[in-house]
N, C-alpha and C. Protein backbone atom coordinates (compact mmCIF):
# COMPACT_ATOMS: atom_id res chain seq x y z
N MET A 1 41.50 -24.17 -1.49
CA MET A 1 40.45 -22.96 -1.30
C MET A 1 39.66 -22.64 -0.18
N LYS A 2 40.31 -21.93 0.88
CA LYS A 2 39.20 -21.86 2.89
C LYS A 2 38.88 -20.80 2.67
N GLU A 3 37.84 -20.29 1.98
CA GLU A 3 36.68 -19.35 3.05
C GLU A 3 36.27 -18.78 4.07
N LYS A 4 36.93 -17.67 3.34
CA LYS A 4 36.30 -16.79 5.03
C LYS A 4 35.26 -16.53 5.54
N LEU A 5 34.63 -17.28 6.42
CA LEU A 5 33.03 -16.85 7.20
C LEU A 5 32.96 -15.39 8.55
N THR A 6 32.01 -14.90 7.52
CA THR A 6 31.61 -13.49 8.86
C THR A 6 30.76 -14.15 9.37
N PRO A 7 31.23 -13.69 11.05
CA PRO A 7 29.65 -13.99 11.29
C PRO A 7 28.68 -13.82 11.83
N LYS A 8 27.03 -13.74 11.94
CA LYS A 8 26.02 -13.54 11.56
C LYS A 8 26.04 -12.50 12.24
N ARG A 9 25.33 -11.34 11.97
CA ARG A 9 24.77 -9.98 12.66
C ARG A 9 23.50 -10.06 13.50
N LYS A 10 24.04 -9.70 15.17
CA LYS A 10 23.37 -10.00 16.14
C LYS A 10 22.35 -8.46 16.51
N GLY A 11 21.30 -9.08 16.75
CA GLY A 11 20.53 -7.11 16.49
C GLY A 11 19.56 -7.08 15.88
N TYR A 12 19.78 -7.44 14.80
CA TYR A 12 18.77 -7.14 12.91
C TYR A 12 17.64 -8.19 13.02
N GLU A 13 16.87 -8.38 13.29
CA GLU A 13 15.34 -9.09 12.64
C GLU A 13 14.09 -7.97 11.93
N ILE A 14 13.41 -8.24 11.91
CA ILE A 14 12.66 -8.08 10.67
C ILE A 14 11.71 -9.02 11.10
N GLY A 15 10.16 -8.52 11.44
CA GLY A 15 9.30 -9.21 11.64
C GLY A 15 8.31 -8.37 11.24
N ILE A 16 7.23 -9.60 10.68
CA ILE A 16 6.17 -8.54 9.58
C ILE A 16 4.63 -10.06 10.00
N ARG A 17 4.19 -8.97 10.65
CA ARG A 17 2.11 -9.80 10.67
C ARG A 17 0.86 -8.97 10.10
N THR A 18 0.40 -9.81 9.46
CA THR A 18 -1.22 -8.99 9.86
C THR A 18 -2.05 -9.60 10.77
N PHE A 19 -3.14 -8.45 10.70
CA PHE A 19 -4.30 -9.02 11.30
C PHE A 19 -5.37 -8.17 11.06
N THR A 20 -6.64 -8.60 11.57
CA THR A 20 -8.29 -7.58 10.82
C THR A 20 -8.37 -7.77 12.70
N ALA A 21 -8.83 -6.12 12.51
CA ALA A 21 -9.92 -6.12 14.53
C ALA A 21 -11.35 -6.83 14.46
N LYS A 22 -11.77 -6.66 15.82
CA LYS A 22 -13.12 -7.30 14.92
C LYS A 22 -13.43 -6.26 16.00
N SER A 23 -13.94 -5.66 14.50
CA SER A 23 -14.95 -4.57 14.74
C SER A 23 -16.21 -4.25 13.75
N LYS A 24 -16.65 -3.69 13.87
CA LYS A 24 -17.51 -3.79 12.88
C LYS A 24 -16.74 -2.94 11.29
N ILE A 25 -16.00 -2.70 11.29
CA ILE A 25 -15.13 -2.01 10.37
C ILE A 25 -14.57 -3.26 8.60
N LYS A 26 -13.92 -4.89 10.35
CA LYS A 26 -12.97 -4.78 9.75
C LYS A 26 -12.04 -4.47 8.86
N GLU A 27 -10.94 -3.63 9.91
CA GLU A 27 -9.98 -3.51 9.84
C GLU A 27 -8.42 -3.78 9.50
N THR A 28 -7.56 -3.68 8.36
CA THR A 28 -6.35 -4.87 8.26
C THR A 28 -5.43 -4.24 8.45
N PHE A 29 -4.99 -4.91 9.45
CA PHE A 29 -3.04 -3.82 9.91
C PHE A 29 -2.11 -4.45 9.76
N LEU A 30 -1.19 -3.93 9.17
CA LEU A 30 0.49 -4.17 8.87
C LEU A 30 1.18 -3.71 10.33
N VAL A 31 1.60 -5.13 11.10
CA VAL A 31 2.60 -4.86 12.08
C VAL A 31 3.71 -5.23 11.14
N ILE A 32 5.33 -4.45 11.42
CA ILE A 32 6.61 -4.34 10.91
C ILE A 32 7.27 -3.91 12.34
N LYS A 33 7.98 -5.37 12.77
CA LYS A 33 9.04 -4.99 13.85
C LYS A 33 9.55 -5.13 13.57
N THR A 34 11.40 -4.05 13.73
CA THR A 34 12.57 -3.97 13.45
C THR A 34 12.97 -3.85 14.80
N GLY A 35 14.01 -4.45 15.13
CA GLY A 35 14.98 -4.74 16.77
C GLY A 35 13.63 -4.50 17.83
N ASN A 36 13.96 -3.32 18.47
CA ASN A 36 12.81 -3.01 19.37
C ASN A 36 11.56 -1.85 19.51
N GLU A 37 11.24 -1.94 17.53
CA GLU A 37 10.46 -1.10 17.15
C GLU A 37 9.41 -1.53 16.16
N PHE A 38 7.87 -0.87 16.85
CA PHE A 38 7.25 -1.62 15.68
C PHE A 38 5.87 -0.61 15.06
N HIS A 39 5.96 -0.64 14.13
CA HIS A 39 5.59 0.15 12.73
C HIS A 39 4.29 -0.39 12.49
N VAL A 40 3.27 0.49 12.50
CA VAL A 40 1.89 -0.30 12.28
C VAL A 40 0.83 0.56 11.29
N PHE A 41 0.61 -0.44 9.79
CA PHE A 41 -0.18 -0.27 9.15
C PHE A 41 -1.69 -0.42 8.58
N THR A 42 -2.57 0.92 8.42
CA THR A 42 -3.66 0.35 8.16
C THR A 42 -4.14 0.04 6.72
N GLU A 43 -4.37 -0.66 6.44
CA GLU A 43 -5.53 -0.69 4.88
C GLU A 43 -6.69 0.17 5.19
N VAL A 44 -6.58 0.76 4.02
CA VAL A 44 -7.70 1.61 3.14
C VAL A 44 -8.03 1.43 2.45
N GLU A 45 -8.92 1.83 1.96
CA GLU A 45 -9.18 1.75 0.74
C GLU A 45 -9.01 3.29 -0.12
N ALA A 46 -8.96 2.64 -1.55
CA ALA A 46 -7.99 4.45 -2.27
C ALA A 46 -8.85 5.55 -1.87
N LYS A 47 -10.16 5.59 -1.97
CA LYS A 47 -10.90 6.72 -1.76
C LYS A 47 -11.01 7.50 -0.44
N GLU A 48 -11.10 6.68 0.10
CA GLU A 48 -11.04 7.16 1.69
C GLU A 48 -9.54 7.34 1.80
N ALA A 49 -8.42 7.03 1.45
CA ALA A 49 -7.13 7.82 1.36
C ALA A 49 -7.06 9.31 0.56
N GLN A 50 -7.85 9.05 -0.31
CA GLN A 50 -8.14 10.27 -0.81
C GLN A 50 -8.78 11.50 -0.32
N GLY A 51 -9.56 11.07 1.14
CA GLY A 51 -10.37 12.12 1.54
C GLY A 51 -9.56 12.70 1.71
N HIS A 52 -8.59 11.79 3.45
CA HIS A 52 -8.20 12.20 4.52
C HIS A 52 -6.66 13.27 3.51
N ALA A 53 -6.59 12.65 2.24
CA ALA A 53 -5.25 13.59 1.63
C ALA A 53 -5.75 14.76 1.68
N ASP A 54 -7.34 15.94 1.23
CA ASP A 54 -7.99 16.41 0.89
C ASP A 54 -7.77 17.47 1.91
N GLN A 55 -8.47 16.31 3.08
CA GLN A 55 -9.04 17.59 4.11
C GLN A 55 -8.00 18.29 5.02
N ARG A 56 -6.31 17.24 4.82
CA ARG A 56 -5.37 17.83 5.44
C ARG A 56 -4.84 18.84 4.88
N ALA A 57 -4.42 18.50 3.60
CA ALA A 57 -4.74 19.88 2.57
C ALA A 57 -5.60 21.60 2.93
N ARG A 58 -6.59 20.99 2.98
CA ARG A 58 -6.69 22.35 3.49
C ARG A 58 -7.17 22.43 4.69
N GLN A 59 -6.58 21.90 5.54
CA GLN A 59 -6.74 22.45 7.41
C GLN A 59 -4.92 22.87 6.68
N GLN A 60 -4.29 22.85 6.33
CA GLN A 60 -2.49 23.11 6.28
C GLN A 60 -2.98 24.59 5.36
N GLU A 61 -3.61 25.19 4.78
CA GLU A 61 -3.48 26.08 3.96
C GLU A 61 -4.26 27.07 4.85
């Protein structure tokens, strides 16, 4: 029995990297590369994230 192989798709890659900023705060960043686009996320404490969410909600009122 001969299996049919399909060629590998080209142009679809995902790269993930983390790094820590050299600042007093020591922020950690997660960078995801999809094709030619970069998506950057920063790690924050839960209390800090909640404070930002509350502040944004008040601004939208």
